[in-house]
C-alpha atoms as a PDB file:
ATOM      1  CA  MET A   1     158.207  58.487 157.191  1.00  0.00           C
ATOM      2  CA  THR A   2     154.918  59.704 155.722  1.00  0.00           C
ATOM      3  CA  ASN A   3     151.593  57.911 155.414  1.00  0.00           C
ATOM      4  CA  PHE A   4     150.133  58.286 151.958  1.00  0.00           C
ATOM      5  CA  SER A   5     147.905  56.597 149.401  1.00  0.00           C
ATOM      6  CA  LEU A   6     148.099  55.984 145.659  1.00  0.00           C
ATOM      7  CA  ASP A   7     145.208  56.432 143.295  1.00  0.00           C
ATOM      8  CA  ALA A   8     144.104  53.415 141.251  1.00  0.00           C
ATOM      9  CA  LEU A   9     145.885  54.516 138.064  1.00  0.00           C
ATOM     10  CA  ASP A  10     149.245  55.030 139.785  1.00  0.00           C
ATOM     11  CA  LEU A  11     148.961  51.703 141.608  1.00  0.00           C
ATOM     12  CA  ALA A  12     148.143  49.866 138.377  1.00  0.00           C
ATOM     13  CA  ALA A  13     150.998  51.584 136.531  1.00  0.00           C
ATOM     14  CA  LEU A  14     153.575  50.782 139.203  1.00  0.00           C
ATOM     15  CA  LEU A  15     152.498  47.144 139.489  1.00  0.00           C
ATOM     16  CA  SER A  16     152.649  46.813 135.708  1.00  0.00           C
ATOM     17  CA  SER A  17     156.177  48.242 135.757  1.00  0.00           C
ATOM     18  CA  ARG A  18     157.145  45.738 138.431  1.00  0.00           C
ATOM     19  CA  VAL A  19     155.836  42.802 136.380  1.00  0.00           C
ATOM     20  CA  CYS A  20     157.610  44.044 133.248  1.00  0.00           C
ATOM     21  CA  HIS A  21     160.849  44.338 135.222  1.00  0.00           C
ATOM     22  CA  ASP A  22     160.472  40.726 136.384  1.00  0.00           C
ATOM     23  CA  VAL A  23     160.012  39.248 132.910  1.00  0.00           C
ATOM     24  CA  ILE A  24     162.192  41.463 130.719  1.00  0.00           C
ATOM     25  CA  SER A  25     165.416  39.614 131.597  1.00  0.00           C
ATOM     26  CA  PRO A  26     164.308  36.072 130.609  1.00  0.00           C
ATOM     27  CA  VAL A  27     162.464  37.392 127.549  1.00  0.00           C
ATOM     28  CA  GLY A  28     165.616  39.232 126.483  1.00  0.00           C
ATOM     29  CA  ALA A  29     167.595  36.013 126.901  1.00  0.00           C
ATOM     30  CA  ILE A  30     165.111  34.197 124.629  1.00  0.00           C
ATOM     31  CA  VAL A  31     165.615  36.871 121.956  1.00  0.00           C
ATOM     32  CA  ASN A  32     169.395  36.527 122.256  1.00  0.00           C
ATOM     33  CA  GLY A  33     169.156  32.758 121.925  1.00  0.00           C
ATOM     34  CA  LEU A  34     167.015  33.049 118.790  1.00  0.00           C
ATOM     35  CA  GLU A  35     169.554  35.437 117.247  1.00  0.00           C
ATOM     36  CA  VAL A  36     172.310  32.897 117.883  1.00  0.00           C
ATOM     37  CA  LEU A  37     170.243  30.176 116.174  1.00  0.00           C
ATOM     38  CA  GLU A  38     169.792  32.389 113.125  1.00  0.00           C
ATOM     39  CA  GLU A  39     173.497  33.193 112.777  1.00  0.00           C
ATOM     40  CA  GLU A  40     175.352  30.211 114.230  1.00  0.00           C
ATOM     41  CA  LYS A  41     176.084  27.045 112.248  1.00  0.00           C
ATOM     42  CA  ASP A  42     178.145  25.228 114.864  1.00  0.00           C
ATOM     43  CA  ALA A  43     176.078  22.406 116.366  1.00  0.00           C
ATOM     44  CA  GLU A  44     177.474  22.850 119.876  1.00  0.00           C
ATOM     45  CA  MET A  45     176.717  26.571 119.918  1.00  0.00           C
ATOM     46  CA  ARG A  46     173.208  25.943 118.620  1.00  0.00           C
ATOM     47  CA  GLY A  47     172.725  23.427 121.415  1.00  0.00           C
ATOM     48  CA  HIS A  48     173.761  26.053 123.989  1.00  0.00           C
ATOM     49  CA  ALA A  49     171.358  28.525 122.395  1.00  0.00           C
ATOM     50  CA  LEU A  50     168.462  26.054 122.555  1.00  0.00           C
ATOM     51  CA  ALA A  51     169.237  25.335 126.216  1.00  0.00           C
ATOM     52  CA  LEU A  52     169.244  29.065 126.942  1.00  0.00           C
ATOM     53  CA  ILE A  53     165.904  29.529 125.183  1.00  0.00           C
ATOM     54  CA  LYS A  54     164.336  26.641 127.073  1.00  0.00           C
ATOM     55  CA  SER A  55     165.549  27.722 130.517  1.00  0.00           C
ATOM     56  CA  SER A  56     164.620  31.361 129.888  1.00  0.00           C
ATOM     57  CA  ALA A  57     161.152  30.431 128.632  1.00  0.00           C
ATOM     58  CA  ASN A  58     160.583  28.339 131.768  1.00  0.00           C
ATOM     59  CA  GLU A  59     161.758  31.231 133.947  1.00  0.00           C
ATOM     60  CA  ALA A  60     159.504  33.746 132.177  1.00  0.00           C
ATOM     61  CA  SER A  61     156.540  31.386 132.497  1.00  0.00           C
ATOM     62  CA  ALA A  62     157.189  30.848 136.220  1.00  0.00           C
ATOM     63  CA  ARG A  63     157.404  34.569 136.869  1.00  0.00           C
ATOM     64  CA  LEU A  64     154.231  35.343 134.927  1.00  0.00           C
ATOM     65  CA  GLN A  65     152.237  32.577 136.612  1.00  0.00           C
ATOM     66  CA  PHE A  66     153.357  33.810 140.015  1.00  0.00           C
ATOM     67  CA  CYS A  67     152.582  37.456 139.205  1.00  0.00           C
ATOM     68  CA  ARG A  68     149.127  36.522 137.934  1.00  0.00           C
ATOM     69  CA  LEU A  69     148.191  35.145 141.365  1.00  0.00           C
ATOM     70  CA  ALA A  70     150.205  37.573 143.504  1.00  0.00           C
ATOM     71  CA  PHE A  71     149.222  40.799 141.734  1.00  0.00           C
ATOM     72  CA  GLY A  72     146.404  39.979 139.325  1.00  0.00           C
ATOM     73  CA  ALA A  73     142.642  39.669 139.601  1.00  0.00           C
ATOM     74  CA  ALA A  74     142.821  35.841 139.863  1.00  0.00           C
ATOM     75  CA  GLY A  75     139.097  35.387 139.451  1.00  0.00           C
ATOM     76  CA  SER A  76     136.046  37.506 140.087  1.00  0.00           C
ATOM     77  CA  LYS A  77     135.405  39.679 143.124  1.00  0.00           C
ATOM     78  CA  GLY A  78     135.191  37.607 146.277  1.00  0.00           C
ATOM     79  CA  ALA A  79     136.647  34.513 144.586  1.00  0.00           C
ATOM     80  CA  SER A  80     138.774  31.927 146.369  1.00  0.00           C
ATOM     81  CA  ILE A  81     142.118  30.481 145.308  1.00  0.00           C
ATOM     82  CA  ASP A  82     143.368  26.936 145.804  1.00  0.00           C
ATOM     83  CA  THR A  83     146.407  27.095 148.071  1.00  0.00           C
ATOM     84  CA  GLY A  84     147.799  24.155 146.102  1.00  0.00           C
ATOM     85  CA  ASP A  85     148.009  26.448 143.061  1.00  0.00           C
ATOM     86  CA  ALA A  86     149.727  29.051 145.225  1.00  0.00           C
ATOM     87  CA  GLU A  87     152.287  26.486 146.354  1.00  0.00           C
ATOM     88  CA  LEU A  88     152.965  25.396 142.776  1.00  0.00           C
ATOM     89  CA  VAL A  89     153.655  28.878 141.387  1.00  0.00           C
ATOM     90  CA  THR A  90     155.748  29.840 144.416  1.00  0.00           C
ATOM     91  CA  ARG A  91     157.801  26.660 144.302  1.00  0.00           C
ATOM     92  CA  GLN A  92     158.419  27.121 140.557  1.00  0.00           C
ATOM     93  CA  LEU A  93     159.621  30.677 141.155  1.00  0.00           C
ATOM     94  CA  LEU A  94     161.676  30.364 144.353  1.00  0.00           C
ATOM     95  CA  ALA A  95     162.981  26.814 144.660  1.00  0.00           C
ATOM     96  CA  ASP A  96     166.331  26.301 142.932  1.00  0.00           C
ATOM     97  CA  GLU A  97     169.798  24.928 143.587  1.00  0.00           C
ATOM     98  CA  ARG A  98     170.459  27.715 146.114  1.00  0.00           C
ATOM     99  CA  THR A  99     167.114  27.819 147.906  1.00  0.00           C
ATOM    100  CA  GLN A 100     165.178  25.065 149.647  1.00  0.00           C
ATOM    101  CA  PHE A 101     161.444  25.733 149.837  1.00  0.00           C
ATOM    102  CA  ASN A 102     159.296  24.157 152.570  1.00  0.00           C
ATOM    103  CA  TRP A 103     155.506  24.617 152.327  1.00  0.00           C
ATOM    104  CA  SER A 104     153.291  23.572 155.252  1.00  0.00           C
ATOM    105  CA  VAL A 105     150.006  25.253 154.322  1.00  0.00           C
ATOM    106  CA  PRO A 106     147.032  22.854 153.996  1.00  0.00           C
ATOM    107  CA  ARG A 107     145.503  22.574 150.536  1.00  0.00           C
ATOM    108  CA  VAL A 108     142.181  24.432 150.798  1.00  0.00           C
ATOM    109  CA  LEU A 109     140.179  27.082 148.985  1.00  0.00           C
ATOM    110  CA  MET A 110     141.071  30.391 150.633  1.00  0.00           C
ATOM    111  CA  SER A 111     139.920  33.955 150.004  1.00  0.00           C
ATOM    112  CA  LYS A 112     141.997  35.366 147.181  1.00  0.00           C
ATOM    113  CA  ASN A 113     143.369  38.379 149.073  1.00  0.00           C
ATOM    114  CA  LYS A 114     144.821  36.191 151.804  1.00  0.00           C
ATOM    115  CA  VAL A 115     146.480  33.969 149.217  1.00  0.00           C
ATOM    116  CA  LYS A 116     147.817  37.056 147.423  1.00  0.00           C
ATOM    117  CA  LEU A 117     149.246  38.277 150.719  1.00  0.00           C
ATOM    118  CA  LEU A 118     150.887  34.904 151.360  1.00  0.00           C
ATOM    119  CA  LEU A 119     152.548  34.984 147.931  1.00  0.00           C
ATOM    120  CA  ASN A 120     153.745  38.553 148.401  1.00  0.00           C
ATOM    121  CA  LEU A 121     155.268  37.709 151.772  1.00  0.00           C
ATOM    122  CA  CYS A 122     157.052  34.730 150.196  1.00  0.00           C
ATOM    123  CA  LEU A 123     158.500  37.080 147.593  1.00  0.00           C
ATOM    124  CA  LEU A 124     159.693  39.479 150.296  1.00  0.00           C
ATOM    125  CA  ALA A 125     161.224  36.604 152.248  1.00  0.00           C
ATOM    126  CA  ASP A 126     163.146  35.439 149.185  1.00  0.00           C
ATOM    127  CA  GLY A 127     164.597  38.910 148.782  1.00  0.00           C
ATOM    128  CA  THR A 128     166.161  38.753 152.256  1.00  0.00           C
ATOM    129  CA  ILE A 129     168.468  35.815 151.406  1.00  0.00           C
ATOM    130  CA  PRO A 130     170.368  36.831 148.252  1.00  0.00           C
ATOM    131  CA  ARG A 131     172.833  33.943 148.723  1.00  0.00           C
ATOM    132  CA  GLY A 132     170.053  31.397 149.064  1.00  0.00           C
ATOM    133  CA  GLY A 133     169.000  29.333 152.041  1.00  0.00           C
ATOM    134  CA  VAL A 134     165.748  27.886 153.346  1.00  0.00           C
ATOM    135  CA  ILE A 135     162.281  29.435 153.091  1.00  0.00           C
ATOM    136  CA  SER A 136     159.659  27.845 155.351  1.00  0.00           C
ATOM    137  CA  VAL A 137     155.982  28.708 154.935  1.00  0.00           C
ATOM    138  CA  SER A 138     153.244  27.686 157.380  1.00  0.00           C
ATOM    139  CA  SER A 139     149.761  28.683 158.450  1.00  0.00           C
ATOM    140  CA  SER A 140     147.398  28.161 161.361  1.00  0.00           C
ATOM    141  CA  GLY A 141     143.662  28.637 161.757  1.00  0.00           C
ATOM    142  CA  ALA A 142     140.804  28.559 159.270  1.00  0.00           C
ATOM    143  CA  ASP A 143     140.174  31.128 156.545  1.00  0.00           C
ATOM    144  CA  GLU A 144     138.499  33.733 158.771  1.00  0.00           C
ATOM    145  CA  THR A 145     141.154  33.432 161.485  1.00  0.00           C
ATOM    146  CA  VAL A 146     144.114  32.265 159.427  1.00  0.00           C
ATOM    147  CA  SER A 147     147.647  33.372 160.293  1.00  0.00           C
ATOM    148  CA  PHE A 148     150.767  33.006 158.159  1.00  0.00           C
ATOM    149  CA  ARG A 149     154.410  32.593 159.088  1.00  0.00           C
ATOM    150  CA  ILE A 150     157.201  32.806 156.534  1.00  0.00           C
ATOM    151  CA  GLU A 151     160.793  32.376 157.670  1.00  0.00           C
ATOM    152  CA  ALA A 152     163.805  32.947 155.436  1.00  0.00           C
ATOM    153  CA  ARG A 153     167.036  31.528 156.835  1.00  0.00           C
ATOM    154  CA  GLY A 154     170.382  31.926 155.110  1.00  0.00           C
ATOM    155  CA  THR A 155     173.885  33.329 155.313  1.00  0.00           C
ATOM    156  CA  ASN A 156     173.854  37.112 155.733  1.00  0.00           C
ATOM    157  CA  ALA A 157     170.056  37.275 155.711  1.00  0.00           C
ATOM    158  CA  ARG A 158     169.174  40.949 155.609  1.00  0.00           C
ATOM    159  CA  LEU A 159     165.960  42.961 155.685  1.00  0.00           C
ATOM    160  CA  ALA A 160     166.011  46.204 153.703  1.00  0.00           C
ATOM    161  CA  ALA A 161     165.368  49.099 156.089  1.00  0.00           C
ATOM    162  CA  HIS A 162     162.414  50.476 154.129  1.00  0.00           C
ATOM    163  CA  ILE A 163     160.384  47.234 154.010  1.00  0.00           C
ATOM    164  CA  PRO A 164     158.573  47.474 157.404  1.00  0.00           C
ATOM    165  CA  ALA A 165     157.551  51.084 156.720  1.00  0.00           C
ATOM    166  CA  LEU A 166     156.234  50.237 153.261  1.00  0.00           C
ATOM    167  CA  LEU A 167     154.243  47.330 154.675  1.00  0.00           C
ATOM    168  CA  ALA A 168     152.688  49.849 157.073  1.00  0.00           C
ATOM    169  CA  GLY A 169     151.827  52.234 154.217  1.00  0.00           C
ATOM    170  CA  GLU A 170     154.625  54.689 154.896  1.00  0.00           C
ATOM    171  CA  ALA A 171     157.442  55.944 152.692  1.00  0.00           C
ATOM    172  CA  GLU A 172     160.155  58.550 152.667  1.00  0.00           C
ATOM    173  CA  ASP A 173     159.108  61.775 150.922  1.00  0.00           C
ATOM    174  CA  GLY A 174     155.574  60.384 150.579  1.00  0.00           C
ATOM    175  CA  ALA A 175     156.325  58.601 147.305  1.00  0.00           C
ATOM    176  CA  VAL A 176     156.719  55.035 146.050  1.00  0.00           C
ATOM    177  CA  ASP A 177     158.436  53.906 142.859  1.00  0.00           C
ATOM    178  CA  ALA A 178     158.253  50.609 140.946  1.00  0.00           C
ATOM    179  CA  ARG A 179     161.047  49.111 143.069  1.00  0.00           C
ATOM    180  CA  ALA A 180     159.088  49.734 146.279  1.00  0.00           C
ATOM    181  CA  ILE A 181     155.559  49.023 145.066  1.00  0.00           C
ATOM    182  CA  GLN A 182     155.562  45.303 145.934  1.00  0.00           C
ATOM    183  CA  PRO A 183     155.939  45.635 149.751  1.00  0.00           C
ATOM    184  CA  TYR A 184     153.580  48.625 149.722  1.00  0.00           C
ATOM    185  CA  TYR A 185     151.023  46.540 147.809  1.00  0.00           C
ATOM    186  CA  ALA A 186     151.484  43.674 150.268  1.00  0.00           C
ATOM    187  CA  GLY A 187     150.548  46.082 153.047  1.00  0.00           C
ATOM    188  CA  LEU A 188     147.395  47.117 151.172  1.00  0.00           C
ATOM    189  CA  VAL A 189     146.355  43.496 150.706  1.00  0.00           C
ATOM    190  CA  ALA A 190     146.991  42.785 154.400  1.00  0.00           C
ATOM    191  CA  LYS A 191     144.713  45.652 155.420  1.00  0.00           C
ATOM    192  CA  ALA A 192     142.037  44.483 153.001  1.00  0.00           C
ATOM    193  CA  SER A 193     142.298  41.019 154.561  1.00  0.00           C
ATOM    194  CA  ASN A 194     142.122  42.389 158.133  1.00  0.00           C
ATOM    195  CA  LEU A 195     145.611  41.061 158.874  1.00  0.00           C
ATOM    196  CA  GLU A 196     148.554  42.760 160.539  1.00  0.00           C
ATOM    197  CA  ILE A 197     152.118  42.056 159.456  1.00  0.00           C
ATOM    198  CA  THR A 198     155.079  41.883 161.802  1.00  0.00           C
ATOM    199  CA  VAL A 199     158.695  41.382 160.759  1.00  0.00           C
ATOM    200  CA  VAL A 200     161.426  40.035 163.024  1.00  0.00           C
ATOM    201  CA  ALA A 201     165.086  40.134 162.001  1.00  0.00           C
ATOM    202  CA  ALA A 202     167.513  37.821 163.802  1.00  0.00           C
ATOM    203  CA  GLN A 203     170.953  36.511 162.954  1.00  0.00           C
ATOM    204  CA  ASP A 204     170.739  34.796 159.567  1.00  0.00           C
ATOM    205  CA  ALA A 205     166.920  34.680 159.710  1.00  0.00           C
ATOM    206  CA  ILE A 206     164.057  37.003 158.789  1.00  0.00           C
ATOM    207  CA  THR A 207     160.502  36.100 159.806  1.00  0.00           C
ATOM    208  CA  PHE A 208     157.292  37.589 158.427  1.00  0.00           C
ATOM    209  CA  GLU A 209     154.033  36.944 160.268  1.00  0.00           C
ATOM    210  CA  ALA A 210     150.495  37.969 159.357  1.00  0.00           C
ATOM    211  CA  LYS A 211     147.821  37.678 162.042  1.00  0.00           C
ATOM    212  CA  PRO A 212     144.195  38.852 162.360  1.00  0.00           C
ATOM    213  CA  ALA A 213     143.918  42.521 163.306  1.00  0.00           C
ATOM    214  CA  GLU A 214     141.324  42.757 166.049  1.00  0.00           C
ATOM    215  CA  ASN A 215     140.910  46.486 165.656  1.00  0.00           C
ATOM    216  CA  ARG A 216     140.012  46.154 161.969  1.00  0.00           C
ATOM    217  CA  ALA A 217     137.176  43.667 162.226  1.00  0.00           C
ATOM    218  CA  ASN A 218     135.074  45.674 159.783  1.00  0.00           C
ATOM    219  CA  ALA A 219     137.809  46.281 157.227  1.00  0.00           C
ATOM    220  CA  PRO A 220     136.884  45.757 153.543  1.00  0.00           C
ATOM    221  CA  GLN A 221     137.817  42.369 152.132  1.00  0.00           C
ATOM    222  CA  ASP A 222     138.884  43.366 148.637  1.00  0.00           C
ATOM    223  CA  ALA A 223     142.273  44.811 147.757  1.00  0.00           C
ATOM    224  CA  PRO A 224     142.645  47.541 145.101  1.00  0.00           C
ATOM    225  CA  GLN A 225     142.454  46.125 141.608  1.00  0.00           C
ATOM    226  CA  SER A 226     145.675  45.895 139.625  1.00  0.00           C
ATOM    227  CA  ALA A 227     146.231  45.990 135.894  1.00  0.00           C
ATOM    228  CA  VAL A 228     147.662  42.471 135.744  1.00  0.00           C
ATOM    229  CA  ALA A 229     145.293  39.770 134.480  1.00  0.00           C
END
């Protein structure tokens, strides 16, 4: 593994690619549904098309709202984010018939980078349980000393081998593509927030924890800017 850094343009480009990847599927489904409405006369088929458009529009909206907080500027430099808003966008994105979502973070105004980190860790946790399960999110401490714990529990829970290295700013061949940019970005936000991430993999459970890094007390508090509004 090699430690490396991305310049601002490459980071913005890769994050933009990641967001586009997340929304292209539901947007494509909306286009398909509209084409069916234009060509189909059967009432039942038109009903199916309308249902597809509605569900896909809701999915695209949920993904964009989540990405805006997790990757975007989300206010001016030094701004805070309501953790209630973070819960809402995360619940809309992750909670479904396969996944139960438990949120035990108090509703407060918290520095935006720490909220962004929390959302990114939730996204990583969701990726470890492809068959669904239970995601539990909790925190302890106040803003300056806050710690996060996100546990994903489900059948065949699995952590991709490259995730811990990317969180630490390392990658094979010293390069990161759009598929790997999200955990790498999460690591950048953690450093900017003076937090250290640990990952523990057990049978049918993956746990992410972020705790204050004592040896980075003077770390900068602002993560690199992304291109997402």
